[in-house]
Amino acid sequence: MAQFQYRAVDPQGKVVEGTIEAPEVPLVVARLHDRGLIPLNIGAATEAARSRTARLTMPSVSLGRRRVRQSHLLVMTQELSALVSSGLPLDRSLATLAELADNPELRRVIGEVLTAVQGGKSLAEAMAQHRAFPSLYVNMIRAGEAGGFLETVLERLAEYLESAEKLRDEVRSALMYPVLLVFALGGSMLFLLVYVLPRFSAMFADLGKAMPLQARIVLGFSSALREYWWMFAIAAAAAAFGFRYYVNTPRGRFTWDQWKLRIPGAGNLLRKVEVARLARTLGTLLKSGVPMLQALGIVKEIAGNLVIARSLGDVEVGVREGAGIADPLARSGVFPTLAIQMISVGEETGRLDDLLLRVADHFDREVRVALTNFTRILEPALILFMGLAVGFVVISMLTAIFSVNDLPLGGG
């Protein structure tokens, strides 16, 4: 028998916490239902205690208004879905959510949404007033309220946010080690150029001997870096500012997004990530009752790549003209052939929403495989580059030292 920590809500909307001894989670849920409680979170007692201790020991620093993260929105959606599905009125569910929210900004937003709902506004109208809820979220809630299936929409939203969060976490964890390698390379090179090489520079200056060209280049760069580091810093900052300014222009953003899709290896991976995300978004919207043109407008708005967003604009035109979405997507040349074929089958069979979600699942799997293969190649490549860079500096100094012994000594 294991100890489970639970967090639940009673019929009056009051949050209840405690522990239950049971062999598995379904039995915990059944016992809570027998008590008239609505389960929100169930976890192992040791994990819950560890999480609670971590929250107590972590320093809390308030720097103005905090942002509502995707993970906070996911937890809120899961809890709201559980409350509404259990028959709790919407206003009482929102009041309970405000009490449950750990994030102060999310608590404030939920409180304002509750006030607006009690004032006669719909849930979608109340949420549309806050940036914490993206247009995808608001439009799905609006469709659920209009069609009378808000519970189903909340479940789909929770599934959508959970899938997106899972893929995002996998991408971050896969790229963590390569990023650490890049920082290690930069730190090693700075240490050699700023602290180690000046000792060699002083030694060769005392000897007054001519050095090989590569040693003179390395020592010259080291000296310039130490004396004119502020110029390097200004140049780097100016380059970063100029690049950011250019990318923020429509032409620069389009050129940059176009170039990203053409990067060998990485471009194909980025394309699959974007296609999976857009297919899942469009499929979820259509399955939730959002009209096609409105759904396409939302998907185009959240597209992370301007090249793909413009191709979706052509799809909108095609839908208005009755051409469907598969043919305009095929003409754009942006979406993979497999995705277009599956979308075409979905249009022909009247199951476009289901096929779009299958497209998303397929490319999510391909992204995971491609990401694993990409990092397997990237990691040894970075290690090799690090070794070559550090080795070049070390060998340059060794050749300079050895060359000293080959030079004839002065004197009669």
Protein backbone atom coordinates (compact mmCIF):
# COMPACT_ATOMS: atom_id res chain seq x y z
CA MET A 1 0.00 0.00 0.00
CA ALA A 2 1.30 3.45 -0.92
CA GLN A 3 0.59 6.86 0.52
CA PHE A 4 -0.97 9.35 -1.93
CA GLN A 5 -1.26 13.08 -1.41
CA TYR A 6 -4.46 14.51 -2.89
CA ARG A 7 -5.90 17.92 -3.57
CA ALA A 8 -9.66 18.03 -4.08
CA VAL A 9 -12.72 20.26 -3.92
CA ASP A 10 -15.89 19.64 -1.89
CA PRO A 11 -19.43 20.37 -3.20
CA GLN A 12 -19.22 23.88 -1.72
CA GLY A 13 -16.06 24.66 -3.71
CA LYS A 14 -13.68 24.49 -0.74
CA VAL A 15 -10.18 23.11 -1.39
CA VAL A 16 -9.33 20.03 0.66
CA GLU A 17 -5.89 18.40 1.00
CA GLY A 18 -4.85 15.19 2.67
CA THR A 19 -3.36 11.72 2.24
CA ILE A 20 -4.93 8.37 1.41
CA GLU A 21 -3.39 4.91 1.64
CA ALA A 22 -4.20 2.86 -1.47
CA PRO A 23 -2.48 0.45 -3.90
CA GLU A 24 -3.07 2.63 -6.99
CA VAL A 25 -4.35 5.99 -8.16
CA PRO A 26 -7.79 4.84 -9.52
CA LEU A 27 -8.73 3.61 -6.05
CA VAL A 28 -7.78 7.00 -4.62
CA VAL A 29 -10.09 8.67 -7.15
CA ALA A 30 -12.91 6.26 -6.29
CA ARG A 31 -12.57 6.90 -2.55
CA LEU A 32 -12.58 10.66 -3.08
CA HIS A 33 -15.74 10.36 -5.18
CA ASP A 34 -17.33 8.30 -2.41
CA ARG A 35 -16.64 11.19 -0.04
CA GLY A 36 -18.25 13.64 -2.47
CA LEU A 37 -14.92 15.25 -3.38
CA ILE A 38 -13.73 16.32 -6.84
CA PRO A 39 -10.04 15.27 -7.27
CA LEU A 40 -7.72 17.86 -8.81
CA ASN A 41 -4.19 16.55 -8.17
CA ILE A 42 -3.05 13.15 -6.92
CA GLY A 43 0.57 12.21 -6.39
CA ALA A 44 2.88 10.13 -4.23
CA ALA A 45 3.08 11.54 -0.71
CA THR A 46 6.88 11.70 -0.79
CA GLU A 47 6.87 13.64 -4.09
CA ALA A 48 4.22 16.04 -2.81
CA ALA A 49 6.17 16.65 0.40
CA ARG A 50 9.35 17.23 -1.57
CA SER A 51 7.58 19.68 -3.86
CA ARG A 52 6.06 21.52 -0.89
CA THR A 53 9.45 21.74 0.83
CA ALA A 54 11.03 23.10 -2.33
CA ARG A 55 8.37 25.80 -2.54
CA LEU A 56 9.02 26.78 1.07
CA THR A 57 12.79 26.89 0.79
CA MET A 58 13.07 28.67 -2.54
CA PRO A 59 13.56 32.43 -2.11
CA SER A 60 10.66 34.48 -3.40
CA VAL A 61 11.62 37.73 -5.11
CA SER A 62 8.91 39.91 -6.59
CA LEU A 63 10.04 42.03 -9.53
CA GLY A 64 6.78 43.58 -10.63
CA ARG A 65 4.01 41.68 -12.38
CA ARG A 66 4.91 38.08 -13.19
CA ARG A 67 4.07 36.47 -16.50
CA VAL A 68 1.61 33.60 -16.75
CA ARG A 69 3.62 30.75 -18.24
CA GLN A 70 2.33 27.99 -20.48
CA SER A 71 2.78 25.48 -17.65
CA HIS A 72 0.58 27.62 -15.35
CA LEU A 73 -2.10 27.82 -18.04
CA LEU A 74 -1.94 24.04 -18.51
CA VAL A 75 -2.49 23.33 -14.80
CA MET A 76 -5.32 25.88 -14.63
CA THR A 77 -7.03 24.31 -17.67
CA GLN A 78 -6.74 20.80 -16.23
CA GLU A 79 -8.23 21.93 -12.92
CA LEU A 80 -11.02 23.92 -14.59
CA SER A 81 -11.86 20.92 -16.77
CA ALA A 82 -12.07 18.67 -13.69
CA LEU A 83 -14.28 21.14 -11.83
CA VAL A 84 -16.68 21.86 -14.70
CA SER A 85 -16.92 18.17 -15.68
CA SER A 86 -17.90 17.35 -12.10
CA GLY A 87 -20.93 19.62 -12.33
CA LEU A 88 -19.62 22.56 -10.29
CA PRO A 89 -21.05 25.91 -11.51
CA LEU A 90 -18.68 28.04 -13.56
CA ASP A 91 -18.46 30.92 -11.07
CA ARG A 92 -17.73 28.56 -8.20
CA SER A 93 -15.15 26.74 -10.33
CA LEU A 94 -13.39 30.02 -11.09
CA ALA A 95 -13.44 31.00 -7.41
CA THR A 96 -11.84 27.66 -6.56
CA LEU A 97 -9.21 28.15 -9.26
CA ALA A 98 -8.31 31.56 -7.84
CA GLU A 99 -7.76 29.90 -4.48
CA LEU A 100 -5.69 27.09 -6.00
CA ALA A 101 -3.44 29.29 -8.18
CA ASP A 102 0.17 29.49 -6.95
CA ASN A 103 1.14 32.19 -9.46
CA PRO A 104 0.08 35.67 -8.17
CA GLU A 105 -0.50 37.01 -11.69
CA LEU A 106 -2.68 34.03 -12.63
CA ARG A 107 -4.62 34.45 -9.38
CA ARG A 108 -5.26 38.10 -10.25
CA VAL A 109 -6.34 37.24 -13.81
CA ILE A 110 -8.73 34.49 -12.66
CA GLY A 111 -10.21 36.87 -10.10
CA GLU A 112 -10.91 39.46 -12.81
CA VAL A 113 -12.38 36.78 -15.11
CA LEU A 114 -14.65 35.67 -12.26
CA THR A 115 -15.82 39.25 -11.66
CA ALA A 116 -16.57 39.68 -15.38
CA VAL A 117 -18.51 36.38 -15.53
CA GLN A 118 -20.55 37.34 -12.46
CA GLY A 119 -21.24 40.65 -14.20
CA GLY A 120 -22.94 38.87 -17.09
CA LYS A 121 -20.13 38.31 -19.59
CA SER A 122 -19.41 34.95 -21.15
CA LEU A 123 -16.25 33.09 -20.16
CA ALA A 124 -14.71 33.72 -23.61
CA GLU A 125 -15.44 37.47 -23.42
CA ALA A 126 -13.93 37.67 -19.95
CA MET A 127 -10.79 35.77 -20.99
CA ALA A 128 -10.36 37.82 -24.18
CA GLN A 129 -9.59 40.87 -22.01
CA HIS A 130 -6.36 39.28 -20.73
CA ARG A 131 -3.13 38.50 -22.59
CA ALA A 132 -2.68 35.36 -20.47
CA PHE A 133 -5.20 33.59 -22.71
CA PRO A 134 -4.09 33.31 -26.37
CA SER A 135 -6.56 33.69 -29.24
CA LEU A 136 -6.56 29.90 -29.73
CA TYR A 137 -7.72 29.44 -26.15
CA VAL A 138 -10.40 32.14 -26.28
CA ASN A 139 -11.88 30.99 -29.59
CA MET A 140 -12.11 27.38 -28.46
CA ILE A 141 -13.87 28.48 -25.26
CA ARG A 142 -16.23 30.64 -27.33
CA ALA A 143 -17.06 27.70 -29.62
CA GLY A 144 -17.60 25.42 -26.62
CA GLU A 145 -19.97 27.90 -24.96
CA ALA A 146 -21.90 28.47 -28.18
CA GLY A 147 -22.25 24.74 -28.87
CA GLY A 148 -22.97 23.74 -25.27
CA PHE A 149 -19.92 21.45 -24.96
CA LEU A 150 -17.57 23.55 -22.80
CA GLU A 151 -16.48 20.47 -20.83
CA THR A 152 -15.27 18.74 -23.99
CA VAL A 153 -13.46 21.85 -25.20
CA LEU A 154 -11.66 22.21 -21.87
CA GLU A 155 -10.52 18.58 -22.09
CA ARG A 156 -9.20 19.16 -25.62
CA LEU A 157 -7.47 22.35 -24.55
CA ALA A 158 -5.78 20.51 -21.71
CA GLU A 159 -4.64 17.75 -24.10
CA TYR A 160 -3.38 20.32 -26.61
CA LEU A 161 -1.43 22.32 -24.00
CA GLU A 162 -0.02 19.13 -22.47
CA SER A 163 1.23 17.88 -25.86
CA ALA A 164 2.78 21.26 -26.66
CA GLU A 165 4.45 21.45 -23.23
CA LYS A 166 5.81 17.91 -23.54
CA LEU A 167 7.35 18.57 -26.96
CA ARG A 168 8.81 21.88 -25.76
CA ASP A 169 10.40 20.18 -22.73
CA GLU A 170 11.89 17.45 -24.92
CA VAL A 171 13.42 20.03 -27.28
CA ARG A 172 14.89 22.00 -24.39
CA SER A 173 16.36 18.94 -22.69
CA ALA A 174 17.86 17.69 -25.98
CA LEU A 175 19.56 21.03 -26.66
CA MET A 176 20.77 21.57 -23.09
CA TYR A 177 24.04 19.64 -23.47
CA PRO A 178 25.06 21.28 -26.79
CA VAL A 179 24.43 24.72 -25.26
CA LEU A 180 26.60 23.82 -22.27
CA LEU A 181 29.33 22.70 -24.67
CA VAL A 182 29.23 26.06 -26.47
CA PHE A 183 29.59 27.93 -23.18
CA ALA A 184 32.42 25.62 -22.13
CA LEU A 185 34.22 26.31 -25.42
CA GLY A 186 33.79 30.06 -25.02
CA GLY A 187 34.98 29.98 -21.42
CA SER A 188 38.02 27.86 -22.26
CA MET A 189 39.07 30.15 -25.10
CA LEU A 190 38.65 33.28 -22.97
CA PHE A 191 40.71 31.73 -20.18
CA LEU A 192 43.52 30.85 -22.58
CA LEU A 193 43.52 34.22 -24.35
CA VAL A 194 43.17 36.44 -21.27
CA TYR A 195 45.09 34.60 -18.51
CA VAL A 196 47.41 31.98 -20.03
CA LEU A 197 48.80 33.54 -23.22
CA PRO A 198 49.99 36.82 -21.62
CA ARG A 199 52.66 34.76 -19.78
CA PHE A 200 53.99 33.50 -23.12
CA SER A 201 53.86 36.98 -24.57
CA ALA A 202 56.06 38.32 -21.76
CA MET A 203 58.53 35.42 -22.19
CA PHE A 204 58.95 35.97 -25.93
CA ALA A 205 59.29 39.70 -25.44
CA ASP A 206 62.22 39.11 -23.06
CA LEU A 207 63.89 36.71 -25.47
CA GLY A 208 63.44 39.05 -28.38
CA LYS A 209 63.23 36.15 -30.82
CA ALA A 210 61.13 36.00 -34.00
CA MET A 211 58.09 33.76 -33.67
CA PRO A 212 56.16 31.67 -36.21
CA LEU A 213 53.26 33.43 -37.94
CA GLN A 214 50.47 31.47 -36.23
CA ALA A 215 51.96 32.21 -32.79
CA ARG A 216 52.17 35.93 -33.61
CA ILE A 217 48.51 35.88 -34.74
CA VAL A 218 47.34 34.18 -31.55
CA LEU A 219 49.38 36.43 -29.25
CA GLY A 220 48.31 39.52 -31.19
CA PHE A 221 44.64 38.61 -30.83
CA SER A 222 45.16 37.91 -27.12
CA SER A 223 46.79 41.32 -26.63
CA ALA A 224 44.02 43.08 -28.58
CA LEU A 225 41.34 41.29 -26.58
CA ARG A 226 42.90 42.37 -23.27
CA GLU A 227 43.55 45.98 -24.25
CA TYR A 228 40.49 46.67 -26.41
CA TRP A 229 37.91 44.35 -24.85
CA TRP A 230 35.48 47.25 -24.63
CA MET A 231 35.61 47.66 -28.41
CA PHE A 232 34.80 43.98 -28.89
CA ALA A 233 31.90 44.33 -26.43
CA ILE A 234 30.55 47.40 -28.25
CA ALA A 235 30.89 45.67 -31.63
CA ALA A 236 29.09 42.56 -30.36
CA ALA A 237 26.29 44.66 -28.83
CA ALA A 238 25.95 46.71 -32.04
CA ALA A 239 25.83 43.55 -34.16
CA ALA A 240 23.17 42.02 -31.88
CA PHE A 241 21.12 45.23 -31.91
CA GLY A 242 21.42 45.57 -35.69
CA PHE A 243 20.43 41.95 -36.24
CA ARG A 244 17.44 42.29 -33.91
CA TYR A 245 16.34 45.51 -35.60
CA TYR A 246 16.59 43.89 -39.04
CA VAL A 247 14.73 40.76 -37.98
CA ASN A 248 11.92 42.89 -36.52
CA THR A 249 11.26 44.44 -39.95
CA PRO A 250 8.82 42.54 -42.22
CA ARG A 251 11.43 41.97 -44.91
CA GLY A 252 14.13 40.98 -42.42
CA ARG A 253 11.83 38.60 -40.56
CA PHE A 254 10.79 36.90 -43.80
CA THR A 255 14.42 36.58 -44.98
CA TRP A 256 15.53 35.19 -41.61
CA ASP A 257 12.67 32.68 -41.43
CA GLN A 258 13.36 31.65 -45.02
CA TRP A 259 17.04 31.10 -44.23
CA LYS A 260 16.21 29.04 -41.12
CA LEU A 261 14.18 26.61 -43.21
CA ARG A 262 17.17 26.15 -45.55
CA ILE A 263 19.75 25.26 -42.88
CA PRO A 264 21.04 21.75 -43.66
CA GLY A 265 19.58 19.30 -41.15
CA ALA A 266 18.21 21.90 -38.75
CA GLY A 267 15.90 23.48 -41.36
CA ASN A 268 14.01 20.24 -41.92
CA LEU A 269 13.68 19.78 -38.16
CA LEU A 270 12.29 23.30 -37.71
CA ARG A 271 9.83 22.70 -40.54
CA LYS A 272 8.53 19.52 -38.89
CA VAL A 273 8.17 21.25 -35.52
CA GLU A 274 6.13 24.05 -37.08
CA VAL A 275 3.97 21.70 -39.17
CA ALA A 276 3.21 19.52 -36.13
CA ARG A 277 2.24 22.52 -34.03
CA LEU A 278 0.06 24.12 -36.70
CA ALA A 279 -1.65 20.83 -37.62
CA ARG A 280 -2.46 20.13 -33.96
CA THR A 281 -3.78 23.66 -33.49
CA LEU A 282 -5.95 23.57 -36.61
CA GLY A 283 -7.24 20.07 -35.85
CA THR A 284 -8.10 21.00 -32.27
CA LEU A 285 -9.91 24.16 -33.37
CA LEU A 286 -11.94 22.35 -36.04
CA LYS A 287 -12.80 19.52 -33.65
CA SER A 288 -14.01 22.11 -31.14
CA GLY A 289 -16.44 23.65 -33.62
CA VAL A 290 -14.47 26.71 -34.73
CA PRO A 291 -15.28 27.61 -38.40
CA MET A 292 -12.54 26.85 -40.94
CA LEU A 293 -11.76 30.45 -41.96
CA GLN A 294 -11.65 31.61 -38.36
CA ALA A 295 -9.45 28.63 -37.42
CA LEU A 296 -7.03 29.37 -40.28
CA GLY A 297 -6.80 32.99 -39.15
CA ILE A 298 -5.86 31.86 -35.62
CA VAL A 299 -3.31 29.35 -36.90
CA LYS A 300 -1.73 31.96 -39.17
CA GLU A 301 -1.52 34.34 -36.21
CA ILE A 302 0.34 31.88 -33.97
CA ALA A 303 2.68 30.58 -36.70
CA GLY A 304 6.27 31.02 -35.57
CA ASN A 305 7.66 31.21 -39.10
CA LEU A 306 6.60 34.03 -41.45
CA VAL A 307 7.17 31.91 -44.58
CA ILE A 308 4.70 29.31 -43.31
CA ALA A 309 2.30 32.04 -42.13
CA ARG A 310 2.19 33.54 -45.64
CA SER A 311 1.48 30.13 -47.13
CA LEU A 312 -1.48 29.84 -44.74
CA GLY A 313 -2.70 33.18 -46.09
CA ASP A 314 -2.88 31.58 -49.54
CA VAL A 315 -4.80 28.69 -48.00
CA GLU A 316 -7.37 31.17 -46.62
CA VAL A 317 -7.90 32.52 -50.14
CA GLY A 318 -8.29 28.98 -51.47
CA VAL A 319 -10.88 28.10 -48.81
CA ARG A 320 -12.90 31.22 -49.66
CA GLU A 321 -12.87 30.17 -53.30
CA GLY A 322 -13.93 26.62 -52.42
CA ALA A 323 -10.59 24.98 -53.29
CA GLY A 324 -10.06 23.36 -49.88
CA ILE A 325 -6.72 23.51 -48.06
CA ALA A 326 -4.71 20.60 -49.49
CA ASP A 327 -4.14 22.11 -52.96
CA PRO A 328 -3.06 25.59 -51.73
CA LEU A 329 -0.71 23.93 -49.22
CA ALA A 330 0.79 21.80 -52.01
CA ARG A 331 1.37 24.87 -54.19
CA SER A 332 3.14 26.69 -51.34
CA GLY A 333 5.95 24.10 -51.31
CA VAL A 334 6.38 24.60 -47.57
CA PHE A 335 4.52 21.62 -46.10
CA PRO A 336 5.87 18.05 -46.45
CA THR A 337 4.21 15.80 -49.04
CA LEU A 338 3.02 13.30 -46.42
CA ALA A 339 1.17 16.02 -44.51
CA ILE A 340 -0.53 17.26 -47.68
CA GLN A 341 -1.59 13.73 -48.67
CA MET A 342 -3.10 13.04 -45.23
CA ILE A 343 -4.90 16.40 -45.25
CA SER A 344 -6.26 15.63 -48.71
CA VAL A 345 -7.62 12.29 -47.49
CA GLY A 346 -9.20 14.08 -44.53
CA GLU A 347 -11.00 16.51 -46.83
CA GLU A 348 -12.27 13.71 -49.07
CA THR A 349 -13.58 11.62 -46.17
CA GLY A 350 -14.95 14.52 -44.12
CA ARG A 351 -12.56 13.73 -41.24
CA LEU A 352 -10.16 16.62 -41.67
CA ASP A 353 -9.94 17.36 -37.94
CA ASP A 354 -8.98 13.75 -37.09
CA LEU A 355 -6.43 13.57 -39.92
CA LEU A 356 -4.85 16.87 -38.86
CA LEU A 357 -4.36 15.51 -35.34
CA ARG A 358 -2.82 12.36 -36.85
CA VAL A 359 -0.49 14.54 -38.90
CA ALA A 360 0.53 16.32 -35.69
CA ASP A 361 1.16 13.03 -33.86
CA HIS A 362 3.19 11.68 -36.79
CA PHE A 363 5.43 14.74 -37.06
CA ASP A 364 5.80 14.96 -33.29
CA ARG A 365 7.30 11.46 -33.41
CA GLU A 366 9.49 12.43 -36.36
CA VAL A 367 10.67 15.53 -34.50
CA ARG A 368 11.70 13.43 -31.50
CA VAL A 369 13.65 11.01 -33.72
CA ALA A 370 15.22 13.81 -35.79
CA LEU A 371 16.12 15.76 -32.65
CA THR A 372 17.83 12.72 -31.15
CA ASN A 373 19.81 12.13 -34.35
CA PHE A 374 20.65 15.82 -34.69
CA THR A 375 22.02 16.08 -31.16
CA ARG A 376 23.98 12.86 -31.63
CA ILE A 377 25.78 14.51 -34.54
CA LEU A 378 25.98 17.97 -33.00
CA GLU A 379 27.55 16.92 -29.70
CA PRO A 380 30.66 15.19 -31.13
CA ALA A 381 30.98 17.98 -33.73
CA LEU A 382 31.08 20.60 -30.96
CA ILE A 383 33.56 18.53 -28.95
CA LEU A 384 35.76 18.16 -32.04
CA PHE A 385 35.56 21.90 -32.75
CA MET A 386 36.41 22.66 -29.13
CA GLY A 387 39.41 20.37 -29.28
CA LEU A 388 40.64 21.88 -32.55
CA ALA A 389 40.25 25.47 -31.28
CA VAL A 390 42.05 24.85 -28.00
CA GLY A 391 44.60 22.62 -29.75
CA PHE A 392 45.39 25.36 -32.28
CA VAL A 393 46.23 27.80 -29.49
CA VAL A 394 48.33 25.25 -27.59
CA ILE A 395 50.21 24.05 -30.69
CA SER A 396 50.89 27.66 -31.73
CA MET A 397 52.60 28.30 -28.41
CA LEU A 398 54.53 25.02 -28.51
CA THR A 399 55.85 25.71 -32.01
CA ALA A 400 56.96 29.15 -30.84
CA ILE A 401 58.80 27.63 -27.86
CA PHE A 402 60.47 24.99 -30.02
CA SER A 403 61.47 27.60 -32.60
CA VAL A 404 63.46 29.43 -29.94
CA ASN A 405 65.85 26.49 -29.67
CA ASP A 406 66.28 26.34 -33.47
CA LEU A 407 67.41 29.98 -33.73
CA PRO A 408 71.18 30.67 -33.62
CA LEU A 409 72.36 32.37 -30.46
CA GLY A 410 73.74 35.91 -30.82
CA GLY A 411 77.35 36.88 -30.04
CA GLY A 412 80.83 36.14 -31.46
